Every structure is written in structure tokens, then in C-alpha cells.
Amino acid sequence: MDIKDPKDVVRRGYDAVSRRYDDAYGGDTKYEALLGDLRRRIPAGSAVLDVGCGSGVPVARSLAAAGHRVTGLDISGVQIRRARERVPQAEFIHGDATSAAFEPASFDAVVCLYALIHIPLAEQPPLLRRIAGWLRPGGWFLATTGHRAWTGSEDNWLGGGAPMWWSHADAATNRAWITQAGLMVEREEFVPEGDGGHALFWARRPAQPV
């Protein structure tokens, strides 16, 4: 497939498969343990940014229900519309994460699950630096990234009639990028999926300058 604008492919792909994606990946129940861990790490009433929030479930819904102030950001208009319907107590923004603007040190946590892997490789390190700047000192960054280096596409993703595109760096590169952004990696795990999987990172902005 000749991909001229990968971000447009991703946007159109998620517009097409929003409901199918939730059904295929268990959006209502996935990440319960992970989100419980995050809730225990952040203060009550924290401001949390969910980059690549999808339809708002489970991340935004879980955190908003726990009393946190959640902002969701997604490139898919369909996903944002559904998120606003499903999680009315959160704020949702339709836009490209690589051009989003937030005040420095405005979030206690930034969550980015299965979103970096849809962003062109050259744009991932600058985005990570921006995310680090959006975090308050001591704030948490929770993200899934590629585990093995791979860039490719699928013509009829999830049977939804639209293509999808991905771009992964390997886990070691992602760790280096997160560190170079000014965050300290606290934990790294492998999350299996099908014949492969992803890397999961817990990282933190230092409470004091290093």
C-alpha cells in the first residue's frame, strides 16, 4: 500500500472501526489492574491527560469515575464523539497529539496506550519531550510503545473496510527516547499480543531538576 499521509490513514481507520475496536480488544474491561495501579500512584483529584483516548473507555471513564480531572485527546472525530457521550464528566479534544498545546506542568499523569505506535517515528521523540513538559514534577507517564522495530499497514483492519498504519521503534530505542525527554523510567514490561507484543513503560518526571 502506498501511504502518502499515514496520520490520515490512522484517523480514517479509527473513524471506521471505533465500535469494532472496542469489541475486539475488550475496551470495557481491559487494563483494570493497570489503571488501578495508576490510581494508587496519583493524588486525589489529579489532572490526567489521555493521549489517544479512543472512545473514552476504559482509561478516561475509570479515572473520571475515581474523581480525577481527565482530558482526552484523539485524532479520530468518531472516537471523540463517542467518548463525549460515554464519559460526559471528562473533557475531550479532537486533534493531532504532535501539534497539541497544553500549559507546562499542567498534568499529574499522562497516559498514552497504543497511540505512539500510530505516529511517524520522526515525530515520536519530539512528542515525548512535549509530554515531559506537560507533566508536573513527580508526575507519571504511562505508555505502550513498540517492542520490535516495524512499520507497516493492513488493508482491511478488523474487517472495518479501512486500512490502518503503524510505526514502531524497538523497546530499547523507546526507553532511550523517554529518558532523553527528561523522564526517569521506573518500570518496563512486555505486553504480549497475538504473535508479538508491545513494551509498557512507567516513567516519571523528576520531582527535582537532575
C-alpha atoms as a PDB file:
ATOM      1  CA  MET A   1       0.000   0.000   0.000  1.00  0.00           C
ATOM      2  CA  ASP A   2       1.302   3.467  -0.927  1.00  0.00           C
ATOM      3  CA  ILE A   3       0.863   5.582   2.224  1.00  0.00           C
ATOM      4  CA  LYS A   4       1.151   9.303   1.484  1.00  0.00           C
ATOM      5  CA  ASP A   5      -0.375  10.606   4.724  1.00  0.00           C
ATOM      6  CA  PRO A   6      -0.147   7.993   7.497  1.00  0.00           C
ATOM      7  CA  LYS A   7      -1.925  10.185  10.034  1.00  0.00           C
ATOM      8  CA  ASP A   8      -4.919  10.465   7.718  1.00  0.00           C
ATOM      9  CA  VAL A   9      -4.907   6.677   7.355  1.00  0.00           C
ATOM     10  CA  VAL A  10      -4.953   6.327  11.144  1.00  0.00           C
ATOM     11  CA  ARG A  11      -7.725   8.908  11.529  1.00  0.00           C
ATOM     12  CA  ARG A  12      -9.917   7.325   8.876  1.00  0.00           C
ATOM     13  CA  GLY A  13      -9.153   3.851  10.192  1.00  0.00           C
ATOM     14  CA  TYR A  14     -10.336   4.601  13.707  1.00  0.00           C
ATOM     15  CA  ASP A  15     -13.340   6.508  12.371  1.00  0.00           C
ATOM     16  CA  ALA A  16     -14.300   3.308  10.549  1.00  0.00           C
ATOM     17  CA  VAL A  17     -13.679   0.749  13.318  1.00  0.00           C
ATOM     18  CA  SER A  18     -14.426   2.630  16.548  1.00  0.00           C
ATOM     19  CA  ARG A  19     -17.037   0.162  17.791  1.00  0.00           C
ATOM     20  CA  ARG A  20     -15.285  -2.876  16.307  1.00  0.00           C
ATOM     21  CA  TYR A  21     -12.085  -1.895  18.110  1.00  0.00           C
ATOM     22  CA  ASP A  22     -13.844  -1.786  21.496  1.00  0.00           C
ATOM     23  CA  ASP A  23     -15.376  -5.198  20.861  1.00  0.00           C
ATOM     24  CA  ALA A  24     -12.146  -6.738  19.565  1.00  0.00           C
ATOM     25  CA  TYR A  25      -9.912  -5.520  22.377  1.00  0.00           C
ATOM     26  CA  GLY A  26     -12.287  -5.664  25.335  1.00  0.00           C
ATOM     27  CA  GLY A  27     -12.390  -1.946  25.983  1.00  0.00           C
ATOM     28  CA  ASP A  28     -14.852  -2.286  28.859  1.00  0.00           C
ATOM     29  CA  THR A  29     -12.565  -4.477  30.954  1.00  0.00           C
ATOM     30  CA  LYS A  30      -9.026  -4.167  29.581  1.00  0.00           C
ATOM     31  CA  TYR A  31      -6.360  -2.513  31.755  1.00  0.00           C
ATOM     32  CA  GLU A  32      -8.301  -2.745  35.036  1.00  0.00           C
ATOM     33  CA  ALA A  33      -5.209  -3.766  37.009  1.00  0.00           C
ATOM     34  CA  LEU A  34      -3.048  -1.218  35.201  1.00  0.00           C
ATOM     35  CA  LEU A  35      -5.454   1.626  35.883  1.00  0.00           C
ATOM     36  CA  GLY A  36      -5.809   0.559  39.493  1.00  0.00           C
ATOM     37  CA  ASP A  37      -2.048   0.832  39.826  1.00  0.00           C
ATOM     38  CA  LEU A  38      -2.116   4.312  38.300  1.00  0.00           C
ATOM     39  CA  ARG A  39      -4.923   5.479  40.586  1.00  0.00           C
ATOM     40  CA  ARG A  40      -2.857   4.435  43.608  1.00  0.00           C
ATOM     41  CA  ARG A  41       0.143   6.428  42.366  1.00  0.00           C
ATOM     42  CA  ILE A  42      -1.507   9.809  41.761  1.00  0.00           C
ATOM     43  CA  PRO A  43      -3.094  12.246  44.225  1.00  0.00           C
ATOM     44  CA  ALA A  44      -6.853  12.561  44.623  1.00  0.00           C
ATOM     45  CA  GLY A  45      -8.401  14.846  42.031  1.00  0.00           C
ATOM     46  CA  SER A  46      -5.367  14.692  39.749  1.00  0.00           C
ATOM     47  CA  ALA A  47      -5.337  16.222  36.286  1.00  0.00           C
ATOM     48  CA  VAL A  48      -4.716  13.438  33.759  1.00  0.00           C
ATOM     49  CA  LEU A  49      -4.180  13.633  30.005  1.00  0.00           C
ATOM     50  CA  ASP A  50      -5.156  10.573  27.946  1.00  0.00           C
ATOM     51  CA  VAL A  51      -3.306  10.786  24.613  1.00  0.00           C
ATOM     52  CA  GLY A  52      -5.075   8.611  22.048  1.00  0.00           C
ATOM     53  CA  CYS A  53      -8.120   8.331  24.296  1.00  0.00           C
ATOM     54  CA  GLY A  54     -10.237   6.456  21.756  1.00  0.00           C
ATOM     55  CA  SER A  55     -13.883   6.181  22.780  1.00  0.00           C
ATOM     56  CA  GLY A  56     -13.097   7.082  26.392  1.00  0.00           C
ATOM     57  CA  VAL A  57     -13.221   3.520  27.710  1.00  0.00           C
ATOM     58  CA  PRO A  58     -11.624   2.299  29.800  1.00  0.00           C
ATOM     59  CA  VAL A  59      -8.987   4.927  30.683  1.00  0.00           C
ATOM     60  CA  ALA A  60     -10.970   8.179  30.817  1.00  0.00           C
ATOM     61  CA  ARG A  61     -14.053   6.528  32.289  1.00  0.00           C
ATOM     62  CA  SER A  62     -12.106   4.731  35.010  1.00  0.00           C
ATOM     63  CA  LEU A  63     -10.097   7.771  36.048  1.00  0.00           C
ATOM     64  CA  ALA A  64     -13.036  10.185  35.885  1.00  0.00           C
ATOM     65  CA  ALA A  65     -15.148   7.822  37.996  1.00  0.00           C
ATOM     66  CA  ALA A  66     -12.362   7.899  40.592  1.00  0.00           C
ATOM     67  CA  GLY A  67     -12.635  11.685  40.800  1.00  0.00           C
ATOM     68  CA  HIS A  68      -9.751  12.694  38.561  1.00  0.00           C
ATOM     69  CA  ARG A  69      -9.954  15.574  36.076  1.00  0.00           C
ATOM     70  CA  VAL A  70      -9.456  13.879  32.725  1.00  0.00           C
ATOM     71  CA  THR A  71      -8.661  15.425  29.356  1.00  0.00           C
ATOM     72  CA  GLY A  72      -8.763  13.065  26.387  1.00  0.00           C
ATOM     73  CA  LEU A  73      -7.132  13.733  23.021  1.00  0.00           C
ATOM     74  CA  ASP A  74      -7.639  11.734  19.821  1.00  0.00           C
ATOM     75  CA  ILE A  75      -7.148  12.196  16.088  1.00  0.00           C
ATOM     76  CA  SER A  76     -10.431  10.403  15.257  1.00  0.00           C
ATOM     77  CA  GLY A  77     -13.566  12.518  15.250  1.00  0.00           C
ATOM     78  CA  VAL A  78     -15.774   9.446  15.663  1.00  0.00           C
ATOM     79  CA  GLN A  79     -13.805   8.312  18.705  1.00  0.00           C
ATOM     80  CA  ILE A  80     -14.076  11.771  20.288  1.00  0.00           C
ATOM     81  CA  ARG A  81     -17.818  11.958  19.666  1.00  0.00           C
ATOM     82  CA  ARG A  82     -18.331   8.570  21.298  1.00  0.00           C
ATOM     83  CA  ALA A  83     -16.034   9.491  24.191  1.00  0.00           C
ATOM     84  CA  ARG A  84     -18.081  12.618  24.940  1.00  0.00           C
ATOM     85  CA  GLU A  85     -21.231  10.500  25.011  1.00  0.00           C
ATOM     86  CA  ARG A  86     -19.725   7.748  27.177  1.00  0.00           C
ATOM     87  CA  VAL A  87     -17.748   9.890  29.632  1.00  0.00           C
ATOM     88  CA  PRO A  88     -19.561  13.247  29.886  1.00  0.00           C
ATOM     89  CA  GLN A  89     -17.659  14.246  33.027  1.00  0.00           C
ATOM     90  CA  ALA A  90     -14.340  14.382  31.134  1.00  0.00           C
ATOM     91  CA  GLU A  91     -13.116  16.870  28.525  1.00  0.00           C
ATOM     92  CA  PHE A  92     -12.262  15.596  25.053  1.00  0.00           C
ATOM     93  CA  ILE A  93     -10.279  17.304  22.306  1.00  0.00           C
ATOM     94  CA  HIS A  94     -10.246  16.286  18.649  1.00  0.00           C
ATOM     95  CA  GLY A  95      -6.731  16.802  17.341  1.00  0.00           C
ATOM     96  CA  ASP A  96      -3.252  15.559  16.495  1.00  0.00           C
ATOM     97  CA  ALA A  97      -1.156  14.901  19.596  1.00  0.00           C
ATOM     98  CA  THR A  98       2.017  16.073  17.840  1.00  0.00           C
ATOM     99  CA  SER A  99       0.606  19.596  17.448  1.00  0.00           C
ATOM    100  CA  ALA A 100      -1.391  19.784  20.697  1.00  0.00           C
ATOM    101  CA  ALA A 101      -0.608  22.606  23.128  1.00  0.00           C
ATOM    102  CA  PHE A 102      -1.012  22.453  26.900  1.00  0.00           C
ATOM    103  CA  GLU A 103       0.409  24.600  29.651  1.00  0.00           C
ATOM    104  CA  PRO A 104       3.720  23.426  31.114  1.00  0.00           C
ATOM    105  CA  ALA A 105       3.436  21.287  34.251  1.00  0.00           C
ATOM    106  CA  SER A 106      -0.354  21.058  33.941  1.00  0.00           C
ATOM    107  CA  PHE A 107      -0.885  17.299  34.421  1.00  0.00           C
ATOM    108  CA  ASP A 108      -0.187  14.871  37.255  1.00  0.00           C
ATOM    109  CA  ALA A 109      -0.164  11.981  34.774  1.00  0.00           C
ATOM    110  CA  VAL A 110      -0.148  11.416  31.014  1.00  0.00           C
ATOM    111  CA  VAL A 111      -1.450   8.097  29.695  1.00  0.00           C
ATOM    112  CA  CYS A 112      -0.646   7.039  26.134  1.00  0.00           C
ATOM    113  CA  LEU A 113      -1.782   3.476  25.416  1.00  0.00           C
ATOM    114  CA  TYR A 114      -1.435   2.146  21.841  1.00  0.00           C
ATOM    115  CA  ALA A 115      -1.168   5.651  20.376  1.00  0.00           C
ATOM    116  CA  LEU A 116       2.558   6.312  19.910  1.00  0.00           C
ATOM    117  CA  ILE A 117       2.667   3.280  17.618  1.00  0.00           C
ATOM    118  CA  HIS A 118       0.471   5.160  15.103  1.00  0.00           C
ATOM    119  CA  ILE A 119       2.753   8.227  14.946  1.00  0.00           C
ATOM    120  CA  PRO A 120       5.605   8.547  12.413  1.00  0.00           C
ATOM    121  CA  LEU A 121       8.918   7.620  14.046  1.00  0.00           C
ATOM    122  CA  ALA A 122      10.496  11.030  13.475  1.00  0.00           C
ATOM    123  CA  GLU A 123       7.651  12.690  15.389  1.00  0.00           C
ATOM    124  CA  GLN A 124       7.726  10.398  18.424  1.00  0.00           C
ATOM    125  CA  PRO A 125      10.788  11.841  20.258  1.00  0.00           C
ATOM    126  CA  PRO A 126       9.544  15.474  19.952  1.00  0.00           C
ATOM    127  CA  LEU A 127       6.140  14.394  21.263  1.00  0.00           C
ATOM    128  CA  LEU A 128       7.750  12.639  24.227  1.00  0.00           C
ATOM    129  CA  ARG A 129       9.638  15.843  25.048  1.00  0.00           C
ATOM    130  CA  ARG A 130       6.388  17.803  24.927  1.00  0.00           C
ATOM    131  CA  ILE A 131       4.686  15.249  27.166  1.00  0.00           C
ATOM    132  CA  ALA A 132       7.526  15.528  29.685  1.00  0.00           C
ATOM    133  CA  GLY A 133       6.981  19.284  29.726  1.00  0.00           C
ATOM    134  CA  TRP A 134       3.249  18.891  30.322  1.00  0.00           C
ATOM    135  CA  LEU A 135       3.891  16.809  33.441  1.00  0.00           C
ATOM    136  CA  ARG A 136       4.218  18.341  36.862  1.00  0.00           C
ATOM    137  CA  PRO A 137       7.366  17.453  38.837  1.00  0.00           C
ATOM    138  CA  GLY A 138       6.820  13.933  40.140  1.00  0.00           C
ATOM    139  CA  GLY A 139       4.127  13.278  37.528  1.00  0.00           C
ATOM    140  CA  TRP A 140       3.708   9.877  35.879  1.00  0.00           C
ATOM    141  CA  PHE A 141       3.893   8.856  32.222  1.00  0.00           C
ATOM    142  CA  LEU A 142       2.272   5.509  31.405  1.00  0.00           C
ATOM    143  CA  ALA A 143       2.687   4.360  27.813  1.00  0.00           C
ATOM    144  CA  THR A 144       2.735   1.409  25.470  1.00  0.00           C
ATOM    145  CA  THR A 145       5.263   1.501  22.641  1.00  0.00           C
ATOM    146  CA  GLY A 146       6.645  -0.844  20.046  1.00  0.00           C
ATOM    147  CA  HIS A 147       8.715  -3.785  21.279  1.00  0.00           C
ATOM    148  CA  ARG A 148      10.306  -4.679  17.934  1.00  0.00           C
ATOM    149  CA  ALA A 149      11.062  -2.177  15.181  1.00  0.00           C
ATOM    150  CA  TRP A 150       8.428  -2.356  12.454  1.00  0.00           C
ATOM    151  CA  THR A 151       6.493  -0.030  10.167  1.00  0.00           C
ATOM    152  CA  GLY A 152       3.617  -1.343   8.099  1.00  0.00           C
ATOM    153  CA  SER A 153      -0.059  -1.292   7.267  1.00  0.00           C
ATOM    154  CA  GLU A 154      -3.095  -3.539   6.932  1.00  0.00           C
ATOM    155  CA  ASP A 155      -5.669  -3.062   4.165  1.00  0.00           C
ATOM    156  CA  ASN A 156      -8.883  -4.077   5.938  1.00  0.00           C
ATOM    157  CA  TRP A 157      -8.185  -3.647   9.626  1.00  0.00           C
ATOM    158  CA  LEU A 158     -10.574  -5.551  11.912  1.00  0.00           C
ATOM    159  CA  GLY A 159     -12.819  -6.112   8.892  1.00  0.00           C
ATOM    160  CA  GLY A 160     -13.938  -2.491   9.048  1.00  0.00           C
ATOM    161  CA  GLY A 161     -13.324  -1.712   5.388  1.00  0.00           C
ATOM    162  CA  ALA A 162     -10.473   0.761   6.010  1.00  0.00           C
ATOM    163  CA  PRO A 163      -6.682   0.441   6.231  1.00  0.00           C
ATOM    164  CA  MET A 164      -4.548   1.063   9.314  1.00  0.00           C
ATOM    165  CA  TRP A 165      -0.896   2.081   9.688  1.00  0.00           C
ATOM    166  CA  TRP A 166       1.688   1.566  12.432  1.00  0.00           C
ATOM    167  CA  SER A 167       5.270   2.650  13.092  1.00  0.00           C
ATOM    168  CA  HIS A 168       7.230   1.009  15.928  1.00  0.00           C
ATOM    169  CA  ALA A 169      10.693   1.611  17.274  1.00  0.00           C
ATOM    170  CA  ASP A 170      12.134  -1.205  19.376  1.00  0.00           C
ATOM    171  CA  ALA A 171      11.880  -1.211  23.174  1.00  0.00           C
ATOM    172  CA  ALA A 172      15.480  -0.104  23.751  1.00  0.00           C
ATOM    173  CA  THR A 173      15.016   2.872  21.436  1.00  0.00           C
ATOM    174  CA  ASN A 174      11.779   3.823  23.139  1.00  0.00           C
ATOM    175  CA  ARG A 175      13.448   3.639  26.537  1.00  0.00           C
ATOM    176  CA  ALA A 176      16.225   5.918  25.267  1.00  0.00           C
ATOM    177  CA  TRP A 177      13.733   8.393  23.826  1.00  0.00           C
ATOM    178  CA  ILE A 178      11.756   8.533  27.085  1.00  0.00           C
ATOM    179  CA  THR A 179      14.948   9.095  29.068  1.00  0.00           C
ATOM    180  CA  GLN A 180      16.197  11.743  26.644  1.00  0.00           C
ATOM    181  CA  ALA A 181      12.864  13.536  27.036  1.00  0.00           C
ATOM    182  CA  GLY A 182      13.765  14.085  30.687  1.00  0.00           C
ATOM    183  CA  LEU A 183      11.780  11.284  32.306  1.00  0.00           C
ATOM    184  CA  MET A 184      13.034   8.503  34.559  1.00  0.00           C
ATOM    185  CA  VAL A 185      11.903   5.008  33.552  1.00  0.00           C
ATOM    186  CA  GLU A 186      10.702   3.275  36.707  1.00  0.00           C
ATOM    187  CA  ARG A 187       9.447   0.043  35.159  1.00  0.00           C
ATOM    188  CA  GLU A 188       9.349  -1.696  31.781  1.00  0.00           C
ATOM    189  CA  GLU A 189       7.291  -4.747  30.865  1.00  0.00           C
ATOM    190  CA  PHE A 190       6.478  -6.808  27.797  1.00  0.00           C
ATOM    191  CA  VAL A 191       2.760  -6.981  26.977  1.00  0.00           C
ATOM    192  CA  PRO A 192       2.059  -9.950  24.678  1.00  0.00           C
ATOM    193  CA  GLU A 193      -0.455  -9.645  21.857  1.00  0.00           C
ATOM    194  CA  GLY A 194      -1.017 -12.305  19.231  1.00  0.00           C
ATOM    195  CA  ASP A 195       2.331 -13.404  17.807  1.00  0.00           C
ATOM    196  CA  GLY A 196       4.105 -10.332  19.163  1.00  0.00           C
ATOM    197  CA  GLY A 197       3.501  -7.632  21.707  1.00  0.00           C
ATOM    198  CA  HIS A 198       4.356  -4.175  22.965  1.00  0.00           C
ATOM    199  CA  ALA A 199       6.520  -2.556  25.606  1.00  0.00           C
ATOM    200  CA  LEU A 200       4.830  -0.938  28.598  1.00  0.00           C
ATOM    201  CA  PHE A 201       6.675   1.874  30.356  1.00  0.00           C
ATOM    202  CA  TRP A 202       6.107   3.565  33.691  1.00  0.00           C
ATOM    203  CA  ALA A 203       8.176   6.750  33.733  1.00  0.00           C
ATOM    204  CA  ARG A 204       8.244   9.805  35.958  1.00  0.00           C
ATOM    205  CA  ARG A 205       9.255  13.420  35.701  1.00  0.00           C
ATOM    206  CA  PRO A 206      11.862  14.023  38.425  1.00  0.00           C
ATOM    207  CA  ALA A 207      10.472  15.852  41.441  1.00  0.00           C
ATOM    208  CA  GLN A 208      13.635  17.992  41.442  1.00  0.00           C
ATOM    209  CA  PRO A 209      15.815  19.008  38.492  1.00  0.00           C
ATOM    210  CA  VAL A 210      18.566  16.492  37.757  1.00  0.00           C
END
